[in-house]
Amino acid sequence: MYVVFIVLTLIVAVLLIGIVLIQKSKGGGLSSQFGGGNQVLGVRGTNSFLEKATWTLAILILVFSVASAYTLPKAGSNIRTKTENTTAAQGANKFNNQATPADKASTPATKGTPADAK
């Protein structure tokens, strides 16, 4: 579900970029392309539509961002990194008293200890 919210957020972000680029500062933009006053939407109608679309898309990004944060996979879930798996395996080896070949190579030789002197 997390991935779905991320994809929806990206789609809405691209649409918002498009809507903002259509607009011009000082109220020009798409409305200036419809020169006549007898258009269905007219200059005011086009500006109103673009403004409503901008606010709607901005609110959708906010909602999808919060929803994706809510559905974010938790740290204690089944997702483990390679480091966590390695650490868990090393801990299991030490508790089972099984030395790996790497552990044997790294331990110093124990010849000449007081136990051998007897």
PDB file of N, CA and C in Angstrom:
ATOM      1  N   MET A   1       0.818  -1.187   0.000  1.00  0.00           N
ATOM      2  CA  MET A   1       0.000   0.000   0.000  1.00  0.00           C
ATOM      3  C   MET A   1       0.870   1.263   0.000  1.00  0.00           C
ATOM      4  N   TYR A   2       2.008   1.132   0.658  1.00  0.00           N
ATOM      5  CA  TYR A   2       2.947   2.248   0.726  1.00  0.00           C
ATOM      6  C   TYR A   2       3.385   2.675  -0.671  1.00  0.00           C
ATOM      7  N   VAL A   3       3.694   1.710  -1.515  1.00  0.00           N
ATOM      8  CA  VAL A   3       4.161   2.000  -2.874  1.00  0.00           C
ATOM      9  C   VAL A   3       3.060   2.677  -3.683  1.00  0.00           C
ATOM     10  N   VAL A   4       1.811   2.273  -3.465  1.00  0.00           N
ATOM     11  CA  VAL A   4       0.686   2.876  -4.186  1.00  0.00           C
ATOM     12  C   VAL A   4       0.591   4.364  -3.854  1.00  0.00           C
ATOM     13  N   PHE A   5       0.721   4.704  -2.578  1.00  0.00           N
ATOM     14  CA  PHE A   5       0.648   6.114  -2.191  1.00  0.00           C
ATOM     15  C   PHE A   5       1.819   6.915  -2.745  1.00  0.00           C
ATOM     16  N   ILE A   6       2.985   6.312  -2.806  1.00  0.00           N
ATOM     17  CA  ILE A   6       4.141   7.010  -3.369  1.00  0.00           C
ATOM     18  C   ILE A   6       3.927   7.276  -4.866  1.00  0.00           C
ATOM     19  N   VAL A   7       3.421   6.280  -5.583  1.00  0.00           N
ATOM     20  CA  VAL A   7       3.178   6.453  -7.023  1.00  0.00           C
ATOM     21  C   VAL A   7       2.103   7.519  -7.255  1.00  0.00           C
ATOM     22  N   LEU A   8       1.030   7.485  -6.466  1.00  0.00           N
ATOM     23  CA  LEU A   8      -0.011   8.504  -6.608  1.00  0.00           C
ATOM     24  C   LEU A   8       0.531   9.899  -6.301  1.00  0.00           C
ATOM     25  N   THR A   9       1.382  10.012  -5.308  1.00  0.00           N
ATOM     26  CA  THR A   9       1.982  11.304  -4.979  1.00  0.00           C
ATOM     27  C   THR A   9       2.822  11.824  -6.141  1.00  0.00           C
ATOM     28  N   LEU A  10       3.588  10.935  -6.770  1.00  0.00           N
ATOM     29  CA  LEU A  10       4.407  11.357  -7.914  1.00  0.00           C
ATOM     30  C   LEU A  10       3.548  11.798  -9.096  1.00  0.00           C
ATOM     31  N   ILE A  11       2.462  11.075  -9.357  1.00  0.00           N
ATOM     32  CA  ILE A  11       1.569  11.442 -10.464  1.00  0.00           C
ATOM     33  C   ILE A  11       0.945  12.809 -10.208  1.00  0.00           C
ATOM     34  N   VAL A  12       0.447  13.024  -8.995  1.00  0.00           N
ATOM     35  CA  VAL A  12      -0.161  14.310  -8.653  1.00  0.00           C
ATOM     36  C   VAL A  12       0.879  15.429  -8.714  1.00  0.00           C
ATOM     37  N   ALA A  13       2.112  15.153  -8.315  1.00  0.00           N
ATOM     38  CA  ALA A  13       3.160  16.169  -8.375  1.00  0.00           C
ATOM     39  C   ALA A  13       3.445  16.588  -9.813  1.00  0.00           C
ATOM     40  N   VAL A  14       3.481  15.619 -10.727  1.00  0.00           N
ATOM     41  CA  VAL A  14       3.712  15.938 -12.140  1.00  0.00           C
ATOM     42  C   VAL A  14       2.544  16.767 -12.689  1.00  0.00           C
ATOM     43  N   LEU A  15       1.316  16.392 -12.323  1.00  0.00           N
ATOM     44  CA  LEU A  15       0.161  17.171 -12.764  1.00  0.00           C
ATOM     45  C   LEU A  15       0.193  18.594 -12.206  1.00  0.00           C
ATOM     46  N   LEU A  16       0.600  18.727 -10.954  1.00  0.00           N
ATOM     47  CA  LEU A  16       0.692  20.047 -10.347  1.00  0.00           C
ATOM     48  C   LEU A  16       1.743  20.903 -11.047  1.00  0.00           C
ATOM     49  N   ILE A  17       2.849  20.297 -11.410  1.00  0.00           N
ATOM     50  CA  ILE A  17       3.880  21.032 -12.161  1.00  0.00           C
ATOM     51  C   ILE A  17       3.306  21.531 -13.483  1.00  0.00           C
ATOM     52  N   GLY A  18       2.558  20.665 -14.166  1.00  0.00           N
ATOM     53  CA  GLY A  18       1.942  21.063 -15.437  1.00  0.00           C
ATOM     54  C   GLY A  18       0.959  22.204 -15.272  1.00  0.00           C
ATOM     55  N   ILE A  19       0.112  22.141 -14.252  1.00  0.00           N
ATOM     56  CA  ILE A  19      -0.876  23.199 -14.012  1.00  0.00           C
ATOM     57  C   ILE A  19      -0.185  24.527 -13.697  1.00  0.00           C
ATOM     58  N   VAL A  20       0.858  24.461 -12.897  1.00  0.00           N
ATOM     59  CA  VAL A  20       1.567  25.692 -12.540  1.00  0.00           C
ATOM     60  C   VAL A  20       2.267  26.292 -13.766  1.00  0.00           C
ATOM     61  N   LEU A  21       2.820  25.436 -14.619  1.00  0.00           N
ATOM     62  CA  LEU A  21       3.498  25.955 -15.816  1.00  0.00           C
ATOM     63  C   LEU A  21       2.517  26.545 -16.831  1.00  0.00           C
ATOM     64  N   ILE A  22       1.284  26.065 -16.830  1.00  0.00           N
ATOM     65  CA  ILE A  22       0.276  26.637 -17.730  1.00  0.00           C
ATOM     66  C   ILE A  22      -0.041  28.068 -17.321  1.00  0.00           C
ATOM     67  N   GLN A  23      -0.050  28.327 -16.039  1.00  0.00           N
ATOM     68  CA  GLN A  23      -0.392  29.659 -15.532  1.00  0.00           C
ATOM     69  C   GLN A  23       0.759  30.630 -15.768  1.00  0.00           C
ATOM     70  N   LYS A  24       0.392  31.869 -15.933  1.00  0.00           N
ATOM     71  CA  LYS A  24       1.386  32.936 -16.016  1.00  0.00           C
ATOM     72  C   LYS A  24       1.236  33.803 -14.790  1.00  0.00           C
ATOM     73  N   SER A  25       2.310  34.448 -14.412  1.00  0.00           N
ATOM     74  CA  SER A  25       2.185  35.369 -13.293  1.00  0.00           C
ATOM     75  C   SER A  25       1.292  36.535 -13.702  1.00  0.00           C
ATOM     76  N   LYS A  26       0.709  37.176 -12.747  1.00  0.00           N
ATOM     77  CA  LYS A  26      -0.193  38.320 -12.955  1.00  0.00           C
ATOM     78  C   LYS A  26      -1.466  37.925 -13.703  1.00  0.00           C
ATOM     79  N   GLY A  27      -1.853  36.662 -13.646  1.00  0.00           N
ATOM     80  CA  GLY A  27      -3.153  36.259 -14.189  1.00  0.00           C
ATOM     81  C   GLY A  27      -3.219  36.056 -15.691  1.00  0.00           C
ATOM     82  N   GLY A  28      -2.105  35.977 -16.396  1.00  0.00           N
ATOM     83  CA  GLY A  28      -2.144  35.728 -17.843  1.00  0.00           C
ATOM     84  C   GLY A  28      -2.395  34.261 -18.105  1.00  0.00           C
ATOM     85  N   GLY A  29      -1.394  33.553 -18.526  1.00  0.00           N
ATOM     86  CA  GLY A  29      -1.440  32.105 -18.685  1.00  0.00           C
ATOM     87  C   GLY A  29      -2.405  31.621 -19.742  1.00  0.00           C
ATOM     88  N   LEU A  30      -3.101  30.556 -19.447  1.00  0.00           N
ATOM     89  CA  LEU A  30      -4.002  29.901 -20.387  1.00  0.00           C
ATOM     90  C   LEU A  30      -5.132  30.831 -20.797  1.00  0.00           C
ATOM     91  N   SER A  31      -5.574  31.682 -19.905  1.00  0.00           N
ATOM     92  CA  SER A  31      -6.702  32.566 -20.206  1.00  0.00           C
ATOM     93  C   SER A  31      -6.370  33.568 -21.316  1.00  0.00           C
ATOM     94  N   SER A  32      -5.111  33.919 -21.469  1.00  0.00           N
ATOM     95  CA  SER A  32      -4.743  34.871 -22.520  1.00  0.00           C
ATOM     96  C   SER A  32      -4.845  34.250 -23.908  1.00  0.00           C
ATOM     97  N   GLN A  33      -4.888  32.942 -24.001  1.00  0.00           N
ATOM     98  CA  GLN A  33      -5.018  32.265 -25.292  1.00  0.00           C
ATOM     99  C   GLN A  33      -6.447  32.329 -25.819  1.00  0.00           C
ATOM    100  N   PHE A  34      -7.409  32.553 -24.934  1.00  0.00           N
ATOM    101  CA  PHE A  34      -8.813  32.613 -25.333  1.00  0.00           C
ATOM    102  C   PHE A  34      -9.250  34.066 -25.476  1.00  0.00           C
ATOM    103  N   GLY A  35      -8.749  34.770 -26.399  1.00  0.00           N
ATOM    104  CA  GLY A  35      -8.943  36.210 -26.535  1.00  0.00           C
ATOM    105  C   GLY A  35     -10.367  36.713 -26.441  1.00  0.00           C
ATOM    106  N   GLY A  36     -11.361  36.009 -26.971  1.00  0.00           N
ATOM    107  CA  GLY A  36     -12.737  36.527 -26.995  1.00  0.00           C
ATOM    108  C   GLY A  36     -13.405  36.498 -25.643  1.00  0.00           C
ATOM    109  N   GLY A  37     -14.310  37.435 -25.419  1.00  0.00           N
ATOM    110  CA  GLY A  37     -15.043  37.516 -24.166  1.00  0.00           C
ATOM    111  C   GLY A  37     -16.257  36.612 -24.152  1.00  0.00           C
ATOM    112  N   ASN A  38     -16.618  36.029 -25.294  1.00  0.00           N
ATOM    113  CA  ASN A  38     -17.823  35.209 -25.338  1.00  0.00           C
ATOM    114  C   ASN A  38     -17.503  33.713 -25.231  1.00  0.00           C
ATOM    115  N   GLN A  39     -16.388  33.379 -24.695  1.00  0.00           N
ATOM    116  CA  GLN A  39     -16.031  31.970 -24.488  1.00  0.00           C
ATOM    117  C   GLN A  39     -16.907  31.377 -23.390  1.00  0.00           C
ATOM    118  N   VAL A  40     -16.967  30.060 -23.348  1.00  0.00           N
ATOM    119  CA  VAL A  40     -17.788  29.390 -22.349  1.00  0.00           C
ATOM    120  C   VAL A  40     -17.270  29.695 -20.951  1.00  0.00           C
ATOM    121  N   LEU A  41     -15.986  29.502 -20.740  1.00  0.00           N
ATOM    122  CA  LEU A  41     -15.415  29.773 -19.428  1.00  0.00           C
ATOM    123  C   LEU A  41     -15.044  31.242 -19.269  1.00  0.00           C
ATOM    124  N   GLY A  42     -14.584  31.831 -20.315  1.00  0.00           N
ATOM    125  CA  GLY A  42     -14.135  33.218 -20.242  1.00  0.00           C
ATOM    126  C   GLY A  42     -12.821  33.321 -19.498  1.00  0.00           C
ATOM    127  N   VAL A  43     -12.308  34.530 -19.407  1.00  0.00           N
ATOM    128  CA  VAL A  43     -11.023  34.751 -18.755  1.00  0.00           C
ATOM    129  C   VAL A  43     -11.128  34.434 -17.269  1.00  0.00           C
ATOM    130  N   ARG A  44     -12.168  34.896 -16.637  1.00  0.00           N
ATOM    131  CA  ARG A  44     -12.326  34.640 -15.206  1.00  0.00           C
ATOM    132  C   ARG A  44     -12.561  33.160 -14.941  1.00  0.00           C
ATOM    133  N   GLY A  45     -13.314  32.502 -15.773  1.00  0.00           N
ATOM    134  CA  GLY A  45     -13.596  31.083 -15.577  1.00  0.00           C
ATOM    135  C   GLY A  45     -12.353  30.223 -15.688  1.00  0.00           C
ATOM    136  N   THR A  46     -11.482  30.547 -16.627  1.00  0.00           N
ATOM    137  CA  THR A  46     -10.251  29.782 -16.796  1.00  0.00           C
ATOM    138  C   THR A  46      -9.334  29.970 -15.594  1.00  0.00           C
ATOM    139  N   ASN A  47      -9.192  31.200 -15.131  1.00  0.00           N
ATOM    140  CA  ASN A  47      -8.352  31.453 -13.966  1.00  0.00           C
ATOM    141  C   ASN A  47      -8.902  30.752 -12.734  1.00  0.00           C
ATOM    142  N   SER A  48     -10.213  30.760 -12.615  1.00  0.00           N
ATOM    143  CA  SER A  48     -10.838  30.105 -11.478  1.00  0.00           C
ATOM    144  C   SER A  48     -10.595  28.595 -11.532  1.00  0.00           C
ATOM    145  N   PHE A  49     -10.716  27.999 -12.722  1.00  0.00           N
ATOM    146  CA  PHE A  49     -10.483  26.555 -12.872  1.00  0.00           C
ATOM    147  C   PHE A  49      -9.039  26.193 -12.542  1.00  0.00           C
ATOM    148  N   LEU A  50      -8.091  26.971 -13.062  1.00  0.00           N
ATOM    149  CA  LEU A  50      -6.684  26.679 -12.806  1.00  0.00           C
ATOM    150  C   LEU A  50      -6.338  26.847 -11.331  1.00  0.00           C
ATOM    151  N   GLU A  51      -6.929  27.832 -10.692  1.00  0.00           N
ATOM    152  CA  GLU A  51      -6.678  28.030  -9.274  1.00  0.00           C
ATOM    153  C   GLU A  51      -7.258  26.888  -8.450  1.00  0.00           C
ATOM    154  N   LYS A  52      -8.464  26.455  -8.786  1.00  0.00           N
ATOM    155  CA  LYS A  52      -9.080  25.332  -8.070  1.00  0.00           C
ATOM    156  C   LYS A  52      -8.297  24.041  -8.298  1.00  0.00           C
ATOM    157  N   ALA A  53      -7.827  23.843  -9.525  1.00  0.00           N
ATOM    158  CA  ALA A  53      -7.032  22.646  -9.827  1.00  0.00           C
ATOM    159  C   ALA A  53      -5.716  22.661  -9.053  1.00  0.00           C
ATOM    160  N   THR A  54      -5.097  23.825  -8.947  1.00  0.00           N
ATOM    161  CA  THR A  54      -3.842  23.940  -8.195  1.00  0.00           C
ATOM    162  C   THR A  54      -4.054  23.607  -6.734  1.00  0.00           C
ATOM    163  N   TRP A  55      -5.091  24.176  -6.127  1.00  0.00           N
ATOM    164  CA  TRP A  55      -5.366  23.900  -4.713  1.00  0.00           C
ATOM    165  C   TRP A  55      -5.740  22.435  -4.490  1.00  0.00           C
ATOM    166  N   THR A  56      -6.521  21.881  -5.395  1.00  0.00           N
ATOM    167  CA  THR A  56      -6.927  20.475  -5.264  1.00  0.00           C
ATOM    168  C   THR A  56      -5.720  19.547  -5.330  1.00  0.00           C
ATOM    169  N   LEU A  57      -4.839  19.778  -6.290  1.00  0.00           N
ATOM    170  CA  LEU A  57      -3.650  18.935  -6.421  1.00  0.00           C
ATOM    171  C   LEU A  57      -2.702  19.107  -5.231  1.00  0.00           C
ATOM    172  N   ALA A  58      -2.594  20.325  -4.716  1.00  0.00           N
ATOM    173  CA  ALA A  58      -1.738  20.554  -3.546  1.00  0.00           C
ATOM    174  C   ALA A  58      -2.288  19.811  -2.324  1.00  0.00           C
ATOM    175  N   ILE A  59      -3.597  19.831  -2.151  1.00  0.00           N
ATOM    176  CA  ILE A  59      -4.212  19.107  -1.033  1.00  0.00           C
ATOM    177  C   ILE A  59      -4.051  17.605  -1.214  1.00  0.00           C
ATOM    178  N   LEU A  60      -4.173  17.118  -2.443  1.00  0.00           N
ATOM    179  CA  LEU A  60      -3.970  15.683  -2.703  1.00  0.00           C
ATOM    180  C   LEU A  60      -2.542  15.252  -2.370  1.00  0.00           C
ATOM    181  N   ILE A  61      -1.560  16.080  -2.697  1.00  0.00           N
ATOM    182  CA  ILE A  61      -0.172  15.745  -2.349  1.00  0.00           C
ATOM    183  C   ILE A  61      -0.027  15.656  -0.833  1.00  0.00           C
ATOM    184  N   LEU A  62      -0.642  16.581  -0.115  1.00  0.00           N
ATOM    185  CA  LEU A  62      -0.582  16.554   1.342  1.00  0.00           C
ATOM    186  C   LEU A  62      -1.222  15.272   1.888  1.00  0.00           C
ATOM    187  N   VAL A  63      -2.400  14.923   1.395  1.00  0.00           N
ATOM    188  CA  VAL A  63      -3.104  13.728   1.872  1.00  0.00           C
ATOM    189  C   VAL A  63      -2.306  12.461   1.547  1.00  0.00           C
ATOM    190  N   PHE A  64      -1.800  12.361   0.329  1.00  0.00           N
ATOM    191  CA  PHE A  64      -1.037  11.169  -0.049  1.00  0.00           C
ATOM    192  C   PHE A  64       0.276  11.068   0.729  1.00  0.00           C
ATOM    193  N   SER A  65       0.885  12.198   1.043  1.00  0.00           N
ATOM    194  CA  SER A  65       2.124  12.170   1.830  1.00  0.00           C
ATOM    195  C   SER A  65       1.866  11.669   3.244  1.00  0.00           C
ATOM    196  N   VAL A  66       0.802  12.143   3.859  1.00  0.00           N
ATOM    197  CA  VAL A  66       0.459  11.687   5.208  1.00  0.00           C
ATOM    198  C   VAL A  66       0.079  10.211   5.182  1.00  0.00           C
ATOM    199  N   ALA A  67      -0.679   9.803   4.165  1.00  0.00           N
ATOM    200  CA  ALA A  67      -1.088   8.394   4.051  1.00  0.00           C
ATOM    201  C   ALA A  67       0.121   7.492   3.837  1.00  0.00           C
ATOM    202  N   SER A  68       1.091   7.937   3.051  1.00  0.00           N
ATOM    203  CA  SER A  68       2.280   7.109   2.834  1.00  0.00           C
ATOM    204  C   SER A  68       3.124   7.028   4.096  1.00  0.00           C
ATOM    205  N   ALA A  69       3.158   8.090   4.877  1.00  0.00           N
ATOM    206  CA  ALA A  69       3.884   8.036   6.152  1.00  0.00           C
ATOM    207  C   ALA A  69       3.183   7.103   7.132  1.00  0.00           C
ATOM    208  N   TYR A  70       1.855   7.060   7.081  1.00  0.00           N
ATOM    209  CA  TYR A  70       1.089   6.179   7.960  1.00  0.00           C
ATOM    210  C   TYR A  70       1.279   4.713   7.583  1.00  0.00           C
ATOM    211  N   THR A  71       1.400   4.423   6.284  1.00  0.00           N
ATOM    212  CA  THR A  71       1.542   3.040   5.821  1.00  0.00           C
ATOM    213  C   THR A  71       2.994   2.618   5.639  1.00  0.00           C
ATOM    214  N   LEU A  72       3.929   3.440   6.067  1.00  0.00           N
ATOM    215  CA  LEU A  72       5.353   3.125   5.963  1.00  0.00           C
ATOM    216  C   LEU A  72       5.664   1.827   6.699  1.00  0.00           C
ATOM    217  N   PRO A  73       6.420   0.906   6.090  1.00  0.00           N
ATOM    218  CA  PRO A  73       6.751  -0.341   6.790  1.00  0.00           C
ATOM    219  C   PRO A  73       7.513  -0.046   8.078  1.00  0.00           C
ATOM    220  N   LYS A  74       7.145  -0.749   9.126  1.00  0.00           N
ATOM    221  CA  LYS A  74       7.753  -0.528  10.433  1.00  0.00           C
ATOM    222  C   LYS A  74       9.133  -1.163  10.499  1.00  0.00           C
ATOM    223  N   ALA A  75       9.958  -0.714  11.416  1.00  0.00           N
ATOM    224  CA  ALA A  75      11.331  -1.207  11.552  1.00  0.00           C
ATOM    225  C   ALA A  75      11.356  -2.656  12.023  1.00  0.00           C
ATOM    226  N   GLY A  76      10.368  -3.092  12.769  1.00  0.00           N
ATOM    227  CA  GLY A  76      10.352  -4.450  13.292  1.00  0.00           C
ATOM    228  C   GLY A  76       9.713  -5.449  12.347  1.00  0.00           C
ATOM    229  N   SER A  77       9.421  -5.060  11.125  1.00  0.00           N
ATOM    230  CA  SER A  77       8.770  -5.970  10.193  1.00  0.00           C
ATOM    231  C   SER A  77       9.773  -6.965   9.617  1.00  0.00           C
ATOM    232  N   ASN A  78       9.357  -7.731   8.658  1.00  0.00           N
ATOM    233  CA  ASN A  78      10.189  -8.789   8.086  1.00  0.00           C
ATOM    234  C   ASN A  78      11.312  -8.266   7.206  1.00  0.00           C
ATOM    235  N   ILE A  79      11.388  -6.993   7.016  1.00  0.00           N
ATOM    236  CA  ILE A  79      12.432  -6.416   6.170  1.00  0.00           C
ATOM    237  C   ILE A  79      13.715  -6.323   6.998  1.00  0.00           C
ATOM    238  N   ARG A  80      14.740  -7.019   6.572  1.00  0.00           N
ATOM    239  CA  ARG A  80      16.038  -6.976   7.258  1.00  0.00           C
ATOM    240  C   ARG A  80      17.109  -6.619   6.242  1.00  0.00           C
ATOM    241  N   THR A  81      18.038  -5.861   6.713  1.00  0.00           N
ATOM    242  CA  THR A  81      19.145  -5.509   5.839  1.00  0.00           C
ATOM    243  C   THR A  81      20.209  -6.592   5.903  1.00  0.00           C
ATOM    244  N   LYS A  82      21.153  -6.527   5.011  1.00  0.00           N
ATOM    245  CA  LYS A  82      22.232  -7.512   4.980  1.00  0.00           C
ATOM    246  C   LYS A  82      23.054  -7.454   6.272  1.00  0.00           C
ATOM    247  N   THR A  83      23.247  -6.255   6.796  1.00  0.00           N
ATOM    248  CA  THR A  83      24.010  -6.100   8.032  1.00  0.00           C
ATOM    249  C   THR A  83      23.290  -6.755   9.207  1.00  0.00           C
ATOM    250  N   GLU A  84      21.970  -6.577   9.272  1.00  0.00           N
ATOM    251  CA  GLU A  84      21.204  -7.187  10.356  1.00  0.00           C
ATOM    252  C   GLU A  84      21.267  -8.706  10.273  1.00  0.00           C
ATOM    253  N   ASN A  85      21.167  -9.254   9.066  1.00  0.00           N
ATOM    254  CA  ASN A  85      21.242 -10.705   8.906  1.00  0.00           C
ATOM    255  C   ASN A  85      22.612 -11.234   9.310  1.00  0.00           C
ATOM    256  N   THR A  86      23.666 -10.523   8.954  1.00  0.00           N
ATOM    257  CA  THR A  86      25.021 -10.948   9.306  1.00  0.00           C
ATOM    258  C   THR A  86      25.222 -10.892  10.813  1.00  0.00           C
ATOM    259  N   THR A  87      24.741  -9.834  11.445  1.00  0.00           N
ATOM    260  CA  THR A  87      24.869  -9.691  12.890  1.00  0.00           C
ATOM    261  C   THR A  87      24.098 -10.793  13.602  1.00  0.00           C
ATOM    262  N   ALA A  88      22.901 -11.111  13.116  1.00  0.00           N
ATOM    263  CA  ALA A  88      22.099 -12.166  13.736  1.00  0.00           C
ATOM    264  C   ALA A  88      22.787 -13.517  13.591  1.00  0.00           C
ATOM    265  N   ALA A  89      23.392 -13.770  12.445  1.00  0.00           N
ATOM    266  CA  ALA A  89      24.085 -15.043  12.227  1.00  0.00           C
ATOM    267  C   ALA A  89      25.317 -15.148  13.122  1.00  0.00           C
ATOM    268  N   GLN A  90      26.048 -14.060  13.300  1.00  0.00           N
ATOM    269  CA  GLN A  90      27.227 -14.088  14.163  1.00  0.00           C
ATOM    270  C   GLN A  90      26.824 -14.305  15.620  1.00  0.00           C
ATOM    271  N   GLY A  91      25.728 -13.670  16.022  1.00  0.00           N
ATOM    272  CA  GLY A  91      25.244 -13.843  17.385  1.00  0.00           C
ATOM    273  C   GLY A  91      24.808 -15.274  17.631  1.00  0.00           C
ATOM    274  N   ALA A  92      24.177 -15.904  16.650  1.00  0.00           N
ATOM    275  CA  ALA A  92      23.747 -17.296  16.794  1.00  0.00           C
ATOM    276  C   ALA A  92      24.961 -18.209  16.886  1.00  0.00           C
ATOM    277  N   ASN A  93      26.010 -17.922  16.127  1.00  0.00           N
ATOM    278  CA  ASN A  93      27.224 -18.753  16.180  1.00  0.00           C
ATOM    279  C   ASN A  93      27.883 -18.659  17.553  1.00  0.00           C
ATOM    280  N   LYS A  94      27.912 -17.505  18.145  1.00  0.00           N
ATOM    281  CA  LYS A  94      28.567 -17.350  19.444  1.00  0.00           C
ATOM    282  C   LYS A  94      27.765 -18.019  20.552  1.00  0.00           C
ATOM    283  N   PHE A  95      26.435 -17.982  20.438  1.00  0.00           N
ATOM    284  CA  PHE A  95      25.617 -18.616  21.461  1.00  0.00           C
ATOM    285  C   PHE A  95      25.636 -20.137  21.338  1.00  0.00           C
ATOM    286  N   ASN A  96      25.844 -20.642  20.147  1.00  0.00           N
ATOM    287  CA  ASN A  96      25.900 -22.085  19.929  1.00  0.00           C
ATOM    288  C   ASN A  96      27.305 -22.640  20.108  1.00  0.00           C
ATOM    289  N   ASN A  97      28.251 -21.799  20.468  1.00  0.00           N
ATOM    290  CA  ASN A  97      29.658 -22.172  20.641  1.00  0.00           C
ATOM    291  C   ASN A  97      30.232 -22.823  19.386  1.00  0.00           C
ATOM    292  N   GLN A  98      29.798 -22.353  18.273  1.00  0.00           N
ATOM    293  CA  GLN A  98      30.341 -22.844  17.013  1.00  0.00           C
ATOM    294  C   GLN A  98      31.197 -21.745  16.419  1.00  0.00           C
ATOM    295  N   ALA A  99      32.455 -22.015  16.302  1.00  0.00           N
ATOM    296  CA  ALA A  99      33.353 -21.016  15.738  1.00  0.00           C
ATOM    297  C   ALA A  99      33.408 -21.206  14.234  1.00  0.00           C
ATOM    298  N   THR A 100      33.301 -20.115  13.536  1.00  0.00           N
ATOM    299  CA  THR A 100      33.414 -20.168  12.083  1.00  0.00           C
ATOM    300  C   THR A 100      34.890 -20.189  11.721  1.00  0.00           C
ATOM    301  N   PRO A 101      35.235 -20.580  10.497  1.00  0.00           N
ATOM    302  CA  PRO A 101      36.647 -20.572  10.090  1.00  0.00           C
ATOM    303  C   PRO A 101      37.289 -19.196  10.262  1.00  0.00           C
ATOM    304  N   ALA A 102      36.516 -18.134  10.068  1.00  0.00           N
ATOM    305  CA  ALA A 102      37.069 -16.791  10.241  1.00  0.00           C
ATOM    306  C   ALA A 102      37.390 -16.544  11.713  1.00  0.00           C
ATOM    307  N   ASP A 103      36.535 -17.038  12.615  1.00  0.00           N
ATOM    308  CA  ASP A 103      36.787 -16.866  14.044  1.00  0.00           C
ATOM    309  C   ASP A 103      38.030 -17.641  14.466  1.00  0.00           C
ATOM    310  N   LYS A 104      38.218 -18.850  13.933  1.00  0.00           N
ATOM    311  CA  LYS A 104      39.390 -19.659  14.287  1.00  0.00           C
ATOM    312  C   LYS A 104      40.679 -19.003  13.829  1.00  0.00           C
ATOM    313  N   ALA A 105      40.634 -18.381  12.678  1.00  0.00           N
ATOM    314  CA  ALA A 105      41.839 -17.745  12.141  1.00  0.00           C
ATOM    315  C   ALA A 105      42.186 -16.487  12.923  1.00  0.00           C
ATOM    316  N   SER A 106      41.188 -15.832  13.506  1.00  0.00           N
ATOM    317  CA  SER A 106      41.458 -14.573  14.187  1.00  0.00           C
ATOM    318  C   SER A 106      41.846 -14.752  15.653  1.00  0.00           C
ATOM    319  N   THR A 107      41.624 -15.941  16.212  1.00  0.00           N
ATOM    320  CA  THR A 107      41.995 -16.144  17.620  1.00  0.00           C
ATOM    321  C   THR A 107      43.470 -16.492  17.708  1.00  0.00           C
ATOM    322  N   PRO A 108      44.176 -15.979  18.716  1.00  0.00           N
ATOM    323  CA  PRO A 108      45.610 -16.277  18.848  1.00  0.00           C
ATOM    324  C   PRO A 108      45.814 -17.715  19.314  1.00  0.00           C
ATOM    325  N   ALA A 109      46.985 -18.233  19.045  1.00  0.00           N
ATOM    326  CA  ALA A 109      47.325 -19.597  19.458  1.00  0.00           C
ATOM    327  C   ALA A 109      47.407 -19.646  20.968  1.00  0.00           C
ATOM    328  N   THR A 110      46.981 -20.762  21.558  1.00  0.00           N
ATOM    329  CA  THR A 110      46.949 -20.853  23.017  1.00  0.00           C
ATOM    330  C   THR A 110      48.046 -21.765  23.564  1.00  0.00           C
ATOM    331  N   LYS A 111      49.086 -22.012  22.796  1.00  0.00           N
ATOM    332  CA  LYS A 111      50.185 -22.852  23.285  1.00  0.00           C
ATOM    333  C   LYS A 111      50.962 -22.112  24.350  1.00  0.00           C
ATOM    334  N   GLY A 112      51.397 -22.835  25.311  1.00  0.00           N
ATOM    335  CA  GLY A 112      52.232 -22.254  26.349  1.00  0.00           C
ATOM    336  C   GLY A 112      51.404 -21.573  27.429  1.00  0.00           C
ATOM    337  N   THR A 113      50.158 -21.900  27.552  1.00  0.00           N
ATOM    338  CA  THR A 113      49.348 -21.306  28.622  1.00  0.00           C
ATOM    339  C   THR A 113      49.611 -22.062  29.911  1.00  0.00           C
ATOM    340  N   PRO A 114      49.245 -21.526  31.047  1.00  0.00           N
ATOM    341  CA  PRO A 114      49.471 -22.187  32.322  1.00  0.00           C
ATOM    342  C   PRO A 114      48.813 -23.559  32.399  1.00  0.00           C
ATOM    343  N   ALA A 115      47.748 -23.786  31.690  1.00  0.00           N
ATOM    344  CA  ALA A 115      47.077 -25.090  31.716  1.00  0.00           C
ATOM    345  C   ALA A 115      47.979 -26.139  31.064  1.00  0.00           C
ATOM    346  N   ASP A 116      48.771 -25.780  30.051  1.00  0.00           N
ATOM    347  CA  ASP A 116      49.651 -26.713  29.379  1.00  0.00           C
ATOM    348  C   ASP A 116      50.909 -26.996  30.203  1.00  0.00           C
ATOM    349  N   ALA A 117      51.236 -26.122  31.141  1.00  0.00           N
ATOM    350  CA  ALA A 117      52.458 -26.279  31.905  1.00  0.00           C
ATOM    351  C   ALA A 117      52.379 -27.440  32.896  1.00  0.00           C
ATOM    352  N   LYS A 118      51.210 -27.827  33.295  1.00  0.00           N
ATOM    353  CA  LYS A 118      51.065 -28.909  34.288  1.00  0.00           C
ATOM    354  C   LYS A 118      51.440 -30.203  33.716  1.00  0.00           C
TER     355      LYS A 118
END
